[in-house]
């Protein structure tokens, strides 16, 4: 688990200190307050590839194909990751915790390089001024320098095997093949039936889940009551498919760290409490840690109802913009959250 985090010069955060992370961390705040940026920062430190700079850009709706000089392309990919777009400073994301979750990432800008002459005796400028340095739990550092040239962008990786960290962006559906692979792992371990039962109890029109091959790729199919044929799960419900994807990420790996932007999207409010109960069961059973953003008052209250008196491993993080427009983070225990709800407080922030 991640216990504490220090985020410096990343996105909207000049210096953010996060302490006492719990198993379930619910992040709330107004639009543009920095909820998604926290998830991105945590996952960037947990990851091992410089390609995330481009992926985060695309997940926020920006174009992933570029035209222009190498300096312009490099600036488009990297500069907005730096606080106030000031890439003369160093991004630092340090995670303190247990096992592989204790990691640190630094991103900084150096000088561009020039390649050797090409066959036509012209020189091609290669911009390699961005450097990423990951330090793992053993203290070993790995240095990566992505390069931009007229031939394209070369994103390097540290080649670490880090299978237990997952990020689900609000605008991206889980990969069907990856979901099928994780469900298959549960099936081989004899745990798929128990996993499926968590959903069929709430969605009783789903009889079972299974792996089938669709045009050469494995996909989770659902058997529905009254239907003559099985249906690919993504075609049954996008919301259910995404939720199951998150659950599979936790259930298929012990001690997984899973970050989800707006997990409740696509889920009808009447199912919130039951699905939170299922999520709590899976996360506690497999010692997973969850970081989830939300705007939904119903979703927050459903978590408290689902947890009952077992609130010690739950926390609410509320981000508020201060008078200077900078984000401040306030943390509340699960019991304080419950007390606030019972007293009618607005726990989501952004208004009083």
Protein backbone atom coordinates (compact mmCIF):
# COMPACT_ATOMS: atom_id res chain seq x y z
CA UNK A 1 0.00 0.00 0.00
CA UNK A 2 0.93 3.63 -0.46
CA UNK A 3 1.13 5.26 2.97
CA UNK A 4 2.23 8.82 2.15
CA UNK A 5 2.92 10.83 -1.01
CA UNK A 6 4.77 14.06 -1.82
CA UNK A 7 3.95 15.73 -5.16
CA UNK A 8 6.01 18.73 -6.28
CA UNK A 9 5.68 20.84 -9.44
CA UNK A 10 3.18 18.50 -11.10
CA UNK A 11 0.13 19.94 -12.90
CA UNK A 12 -1.67 22.28 -10.49
CA UNK A 13 0.35 21.21 -7.46
CA UNK A 14 3.40 23.24 -6.46
CA UNK A 15 3.88 21.17 -3.30
CA UNK A 16 1.29 18.69 -2.05
CA UNK A 17 1.82 16.42 0.94
CA UNK A 18 -0.56 13.47 1.37
CA UNK A 19 -0.43 11.48 4.59
CA UNK A 20 -2.23 8.46 6.03
CA UNK A 21 -3.53 6.91 2.82
CA UNK A 22 -6.09 4.23 3.59
CA UNK A 23 -7.29 1.16 1.71
CA UNK A 24 -10.20 3.11 0.19
CA UNK A 25 -9.45 6.76 -0.62
CA UNK A 26 -12.32 8.80 -2.04
CA UNK A 27 -11.25 12.07 -3.68
CA UNK A 28 -13.74 14.93 -4.10
CA UNK A 29 -13.62 18.56 -5.16
CA UNK A 30 -14.87 21.08 -7.70
CA UNK A 31 -14.10 20.86 -11.43
CA UNK A 32 -10.48 21.78 -12.12
CA UNK A 33 -9.41 21.40 -8.48
CA UNK A 34 -6.86 18.66 -9.24
CA UNK A 35 -8.59 15.32 -8.56
CA UNK A 36 -7.45 13.71 -11.81
CA UNK A 37 -3.99 15.23 -11.43
CA UNK A 38 -3.53 13.37 -8.13
CA UNK A 39 -4.35 10.07 -9.83
CA UNK A 40 -1.99 10.86 -12.70
CA UNK A 41 0.83 11.76 -10.33
CA UNK A 42 0.47 8.59 -8.28
CA UNK A 43 0.29 6.39 -11.35
CA UNK A 44 3.22 8.08 -13.07
CA UNK A 45 5.40 7.21 -10.08
CA UNK A 46 4.06 3.63 -10.06
CA UNK A 47 4.64 3.18 -13.79
CA UNK A 48 7.80 2.52 -15.79
CA UNK A 49 7.25 4.08 -19.22
CA UNK A 50 7.73 7.61 -20.53
CA UNK A 51 4.80 6.95 -22.88
CA UNK A 52 2.47 8.07 -20.08
CA UNK A 53 3.17 11.69 -20.97
CA UNK A 54 1.38 11.16 -24.27
CA UNK A 55 -1.29 8.86 -22.84
CA UNK A 56 -2.38 11.39 -20.22
CA UNK A 57 -2.63 14.01 -22.95
CA UNK A 58 -4.92 11.78 -25.03
CA UNK A 59 -7.05 10.79 -22.05
CA UNK A 60 -7.76 14.47 -21.48
CA UNK A 61 -9.04 14.79 -25.07
CA UNK A 62 -6.00 16.30 -26.76
CA UNK A 63 -4.66 15.10 -30.10
CA UNK A 64 -2.01 12.38 -30.01
CA UNK A 65 -0.66 13.03 -33.51
CA UNK A 66 1.56 16.02 -34.12
CA UNK A 67 2.87 18.29 -36.83
CA UNK A 68 5.67 20.76 -36.30
CA UNK A 69 9.25 20.93 -35.14
CA UNK A 70 10.80 18.65 -32.57
CA UNK A 71 10.79 21.40 -29.93
CA UNK A 72 7.07 22.08 -30.49
CA UNK A 73 6.19 18.38 -30.25
CA UNK A 74 8.23 17.88 -27.10
CA UNK A 75 6.62 20.94 -25.54
CA UNK A 76 3.13 19.66 -26.43
CA UNK A 77 3.79 16.30 -24.76
CA UNK A 78 5.60 17.40 -21.62
CA UNK A 79 5.32 21.07 -20.71
CA UNK A 80 1.81 21.05 -19.28
CA UNK A 81 2.84 18.35 -16.79
CA UNK A 82 4.96 20.96 -15.01
CA UNK A 83 3.35 23.31 -12.49
CA UNK A 84 2.41 26.59 -14.20
CA UNK A 85 4.06 25.10 -17.35
CA UNK A 86 7.41 26.04 -15.86
CA UNK A 87 9.64 23.23 -17.04
CA UNK A 88 12.75 24.88 -15.67
CA UNK A 89 11.80 23.23 -12.35
CA UNK A 90 11.86 19.52 -11.51
CA UNK A 91 8.76 17.38 -11.07
CA UNK A 92 9.16 15.15 -8.03
CA UNK A 93 6.65 12.46 -6.99
CA UNK A 94 7.68 10.40 -3.98
CA UNK A 95 5.60 7.53 -2.62
CA UNK A 96 6.29 5.98 0.76
CA UNK A 97 4.71 2.64 1.44
CA UNK A 98 5.05 -1.12 1.45
CA UNK A 99 6.90 -3.21 -1.10
CA UNK A 100 7.03 -2.04 -4.74
CA UNK A 101 4.65 0.85 -4.00
CA UNK A 102 7.57 2.74 -2.40
CA UNK A 103 8.78 4.57 -5.51
CA UNK A 104 9.97 7.97 -6.63
CA UNK A 105 9.89 9.75 -9.99
CA UNK A 106 11.72 12.89 -11.08
CA UNK A 107 11.12 14.61 -14.42
CA UNK A 108 13.35 17.46 -15.55
CA UNK A 109 14.50 19.21 -18.68
CA UNK A 110 18.08 19.36 -19.94
CA UNK A 111 19.68 20.27 -23.27
CA UNK A 112 18.64 18.96 -26.72
CA UNK A 113 20.99 16.71 -28.67
CA UNK A 114 22.03 16.46 -32.33
CA UNK A 115 22.19 13.23 -34.31
CA UNK A 116 25.04 12.22 -36.60
CA UNK A 117 24.63 13.20 -40.30
CA UNK A 118 22.00 11.28 -42.27
CA UNK A 119 22.61 9.57 -45.60
CA UNK A 120 21.73 12.74 -47.48
CA UNK A 121 24.42 14.53 -45.40
CA UNK A 122 21.91 16.75 -43.65
CA UNK A 123 21.66 16.79 -39.89
CA UNK A 124 18.40 15.98 -38.17
CA UNK A 125 17.79 17.58 -34.80
CA UNK A 126 16.71 15.11 -32.15
CA UNK A 127 15.16 16.65 -29.08
CA UNK A 128 15.99 14.56 -26.04
CA UNK A 129 15.86 17.23 -23.39
CA UNK A 130 13.33 15.53 -21.08
CA UNK A 131 14.72 13.08 -18.54
CA UNK A 132 12.72 10.76 -16.29
CA UNK A 133 14.35 9.02 -13.33
CA UNK A 134 12.50 6.30 -11.43
CA UNK A 135 13.83 5.01 -8.10
CA UNK A 136 12.38 1.68 -6.97
CA UNK A 137 11.83 0.30 -3.48
CA UNK A 138 15.38 -1.10 -3.42
CA UNK A 139 16.87 2.30 -4.18
CA UNK A 140 17.88 1.46 -7.75
CA UNK A 141 17.48 4.32 -10.22
CA UNK A 142 16.54 3.93 -13.88
CA UNK A 143 17.07 6.85 -16.26
CA UNK A 144 14.88 7.31 -19.36
CA UNK A 145 15.22 9.95 -22.09
CA UNK A 146 12.38 9.93 -24.65
CA UNK A 147 13.39 11.35 -28.02
CA UNK A 148 11.48 13.38 -30.61
CA UNK A 149 12.64 13.58 -34.23
CA UNK A 150 11.18 13.91 -37.71
CA UNK A 151 10.80 10.14 -37.71
CA UNK A 152 8.49 10.21 -34.69
CA UNK A 153 8.57 9.94 -30.92
CA UNK A 154 10.56 7.23 -29.16
CA UNK A 155 9.21 6.45 -25.70
CA UNK A 156 11.57 4.36 -23.61
CA UNK A 157 10.66 2.07 -20.72
CA UNK A 158 12.58 0.91 -17.66
CA UNK A 159 11.62 -2.70 -18.52
CA UNK A 160 10.49 -3.32 -14.96
CA UNK A 161 7.82 -5.94 -14.31
CA UNK A 162 5.15 -3.94 -12.45
CA UNK A 163 1.88 -5.81 -12.99
CA UNK A 164 0.08 -4.71 -9.84
CA UNK A 165 -0.65 -1.03 -10.53
CA UNK A 166 -3.68 0.02 -12.60
CA UNK A 167 -5.17 3.33 -13.76
CA UNK A 168 -8.68 3.70 -15.21
CA UNK A 169 -9.27 7.10 -16.83
CA UNK A 170 -12.78 8.53 -16.83
CA UNK A 171 -12.96 8.67 -20.63
CA UNK A 172 -11.44 5.26 -21.45
CA UNK A 173 -13.12 1.85 -21.32
CA UNK A 174 -11.10 -1.14 -20.04
CA UNK A 175 -9.43 -3.26 -22.70
CA UNK A 176 -11.63 -6.29 -23.41
CA UNK A 177 -8.68 -8.62 -23.94
CA UNK A 178 -7.03 -7.55 -20.68
CA UNK A 179 -10.31 -8.05 -18.80
CA UNK A 180 -10.69 -11.51 -20.32
CA UNK A 181 -7.14 -12.40 -19.33
CA UNK A 182 -7.72 -11.38 -15.71
CA UNK A 183 -11.04 -13.26 -15.58
CA UNK A 184 -9.27 -16.31 -17.01
CA UNK A 185 -6.68 -16.11 -14.20
CA UNK A 186 -9.50 -16.16 -11.65
CA UNK A 187 -11.11 -19.10 -13.42
CA UNK A 188 -7.88 -21.14 -13.41
CA UNK A 189 -7.52 -20.41 -9.68
CA UNK A 190 -11.09 -21.58 -9.06
CA UNK A 191 -12.28 -18.12 -7.98
CA UNK A 192 -14.32 -16.99 -10.98
CA UNK A 193 -17.65 -18.36 -9.70
CA UNK A 194 -17.39 -16.44 -6.42
CA UNK A 195 -16.40 -13.30 -8.30
CA UNK A 196 -19.36 -13.64 -10.69
CA UNK A 197 -21.74 -14.19 -7.79
CA UNK A 198 -21.00 -10.69 -6.47
CA UNK A 199 -22.61 -9.25 -9.61
CA UNK A 200 -25.36 -11.72 -10.40
CA UNK A 201 -26.82 -11.16 -6.94
CA UNK A 202 -27.30 -7.47 -7.75
CA UNK A 203 -27.96 -7.80 -11.50
CA UNK A 204 -30.08 -10.94 -11.38
CA UNK A 205 -30.79 -10.78 -15.12
CA UNK A 206 -27.14 -11.76 -15.67
CA UNK A 207 -26.98 -15.53 -15.22
CA UNK A 208 -23.24 -16.08 -15.72
CA UNK A 209 -20.00 -14.76 -17.21
CA UNK A 210 -17.62 -16.70 -19.44
CA UNK A 211 -14.68 -16.26 -21.82
CA UNK A 212 -15.42 -16.63 -25.53
CA UNK A 213 -13.34 -15.82 -28.63
CA UNK A 214 -14.54 -12.96 -30.85
CA UNK A 215 -12.70 -12.61 -34.19
CA UNK A 216 -9.62 -14.17 -32.66
CA UNK A 217 -9.58 -12.25 -29.36
CA UNK A 218 -10.86 -13.43 -25.94
CA UNK A 219 -13.78 -11.44 -24.56
CA UNK A 220 -15.96 -11.75 -21.45
CA UNK A 221 -19.49 -12.74 -22.48
CA UNK A 222 -22.64 -12.55 -20.36
CA UNK A 223 -25.46 -15.07 -20.37
CA UNK A 224 -28.68 -13.10 -19.90
CA UNK A 225 -32.05 -14.38 -18.79
CA UNK A 226 -34.33 -14.81 -21.76
CA UNK A 227 -31.58 -14.29 -24.36
CA UNK A 228 -30.88 -17.00 -26.92
CA UNK A 229 -27.18 -16.21 -27.25
CA UNK A 230 -24.41 -14.91 -25.04
CA UNK A 231 -23.57 -11.23 -25.48
CA UNK A 232 -20.17 -9.50 -25.15
CA UNK A 233 -20.14 -7.74 -21.78
CA UNK A 234 -19.20 -4.31 -23.26
CA UNK A 235 -22.42 -4.49 -25.33
CA UNK A 236 -24.54 -5.31 -22.27
CA UNK A 237 -23.57 -2.21 -20.28
CA UNK A 238 -20.60 0.10 -20.50
CA UNK A 239 -20.93 0.97 -16.81
CA UNK A 240 -21.03 -2.67 -15.68
CA UNK A 241 -18.15 -3.56 -18.01
CA UNK A 242 -15.98 -0.78 -16.56
CA UNK A 243 -16.85 -1.66 -12.98
CA UNK A 244 -16.04 -5.33 -13.56
CA UNK A 245 -12.75 -4.26 -15.13
CA UNK A 246 -11.80 -2.42 -11.95
CA UNK A 247 -12.86 -5.34 -9.77
CA UNK A 248 -10.84 -7.76 -11.88
CA UNK A 249 -7.75 -5.57 -11.51
CA UNK A 250 -8.05 -5.91 -7.71
CA UNK A 251 -9.07 -9.58 -7.62
CA UNK A 252 -6.48 -10.87 -10.08
CA UNK A 253 -3.50 -9.45 -8.14
CA UNK A 254 -2.94 -9.41 -4.39
CA UNK A 255 -1.77 -6.04 -3.04
CA UNK A 256 -2.81 -4.17 -6.20
CA UNK A 257 -2.99 -0.37 -6.25
CA UNK A 258 -5.92 0.74 -8.43
CA UNK A 259 -6.68 4.36 -9.39
CA UNK A 260 -10.07 5.18 -10.93
CA UNK A 261 -11.42 8.48 -12.22
CA UNK A 262 -15.20 8.64 -11.55
CA UNK A 263 -15.87 4.95 -10.94
CA UNK A 264 -19.63 5.49 -10.60
CA UNK A 265 -20.06 6.70 -14.21
CA UNK A 266 -22.61 4.58 -16.03
CA UNK A 267 -23.95 2.93 -12.84
CA UNK A 268 -27.56 3.55 -11.81
CA UNK A 269 -27.81 4.99 -8.31
CA UNK A 270 -29.92 2.11 -6.98
CA UNK A 271 -26.93 -0.23 -7.43
CA UNK A 272 -24.38 2.01 -5.71
CA UNK A 273 -24.54 0.48 -2.23
CA UNK A 274 -24.41 -3.13 -3.44
CA UNK A 275 -21.48 -2.45 -5.74
CA UNK A 276 -19.59 -0.63 -3.01
CA UNK A 277 -20.18 -3.64 -0.77
CA UNK A 278 -18.73 -5.89 -3.47
CA UNK A 279 -15.77 -3.55 -3.95
CA UNK A 280 -15.03 -3.45 -0.21
CA UNK A 281 -15.21 -7.25 -0.03
CA UNK A 282 -12.76 -7.71 -2.91
CA UNK A 283 -10.34 -4.97 -1.82
CA UNK A 284 -10.12 -6.28 1.74
CA UNK A 285 -9.89 -9.93 0.71
CA UNK A 286 -7.01 -9.30 -1.72
CA UNK A 287 -5.41 -6.42 0.22
CA UNK A 288 -5.95 -4.01 -2.65
CA UNK A 289 -5.76 -0.23 -2.34
CA UNK A 290 -8.20 2.02 -4.18
CA UNK A 291 -8.03 5.73 -5.08
CA UNK A 292 -11.32 6.96 -6.58
CA UNK A 293 -12.53 10.42 -7.65
CA UNK A 294 -16.20 11.34 -7.66
CA UNK A 295 -18.69 14.21 -7.96
CA UNK A 296 -21.61 12.11 -6.70
CA UNK A 297 -23.18 12.70 -3.29
CA UNK A 298 -25.15 9.44 -3.70
CA UNK A 299 -21.95 7.51 -4.39
CA UNK A 300 -20.29 8.84 -1.21
CA UNK A 301 -23.29 8.11 1.00
CA UNK A 302 -23.59 4.63 -0.51
CA UNK A 303 -19.99 3.87 0.48
CA UNK A 304 -20.69 4.82 4.10
CA UNK A 305 -23.86 2.69 4.18
CA UNK A 306 -22.06 -0.26 2.59
CA UNK A 307 -19.21 -0.06 5.11
CA UNK A 308 -21.49 0.03 8.15
CA UNK A 309 -19.32 0.33 11.26
CA UNK A 310 -16.20 -0.92 9.44
CA UNK A 311 -14.87 2.52 8.47
CA UNK A 312 -11.29 2.53 9.71
CA UNK A 313 -9.76 1.74 6.30
CA UNK A 314 -11.73 4.47 4.48
CA UNK A 315 -10.78 8.12 3.97
CA UNK A 316 -12.22 11.13 2.16
CA UNK A 317 -9.86 13.60 0.50
CA UNK A 318 -11.39 16.98 -0.31
CA UNK A 319 -9.58 19.45 -2.55
CA UNK A 320 -10.44 23.14 -2.16
CA UNK A 321 -9.00 26.05 -4.13
CA UNK A 322 -7.66 28.71 -1.76
CA UNK A 323 -7.82 32.49 -2.24
CA UNK A 324 -4.75 32.42 -4.49
CA UNK A 325 -6.34 29.78 -6.71
CA UNK A 326 -4.04 27.00 -5.49
CA UNK A 327 -5.42 23.63 -4.32
CA UNK A 328 -5.39 22.63 -0.66
CA UNK A 329 -6.06 19.04 0.42
CA UNK A 330 -8.14 18.19 3.49
CA UNK A 331 -8.39 14.59 4.70
CA UNK A 332 -11.17 13.05 6.77
CA UNK A 333 -11.43 9.62 8.33
CA UNK A 334 -14.29 7.30 7.47
CA UNK A 335 -15.95 7.97 10.81
CA UNK A 336 -15.65 11.74 10.41
CA UNK A 337 -17.18 11.36 6.93
CA UNK A 338 -20.12 9.41 8.37
CA UNK A 339 -20.65 12.02 11.10
CA UNK A 340 -20.61 14.81 8.51
CA UNK A 341 -23.21 13.06 6.37
CA UNK A 342 -25.45 12.47 9.40
CA UNK A 343 -25.24 16.20 10.24
CA UNK A 344 -26.18 17.19 6.69
CA UNK A 345 -22.78 18.64 5.74
CA UNK A 346 -21.76 19.10 2.10
CA UNK A 347 -18.87 16.63 2.05
CA UNK A 348 -17.97 17.01 -1.64
CA UNK A 349 -16.52 20.50 -1.31
CA UNK A 350 -16.91 23.32 -3.80
CA UNK A 351 -19.80 24.86 -1.87
CA UNK A 352 -20.94 25.35 1.69
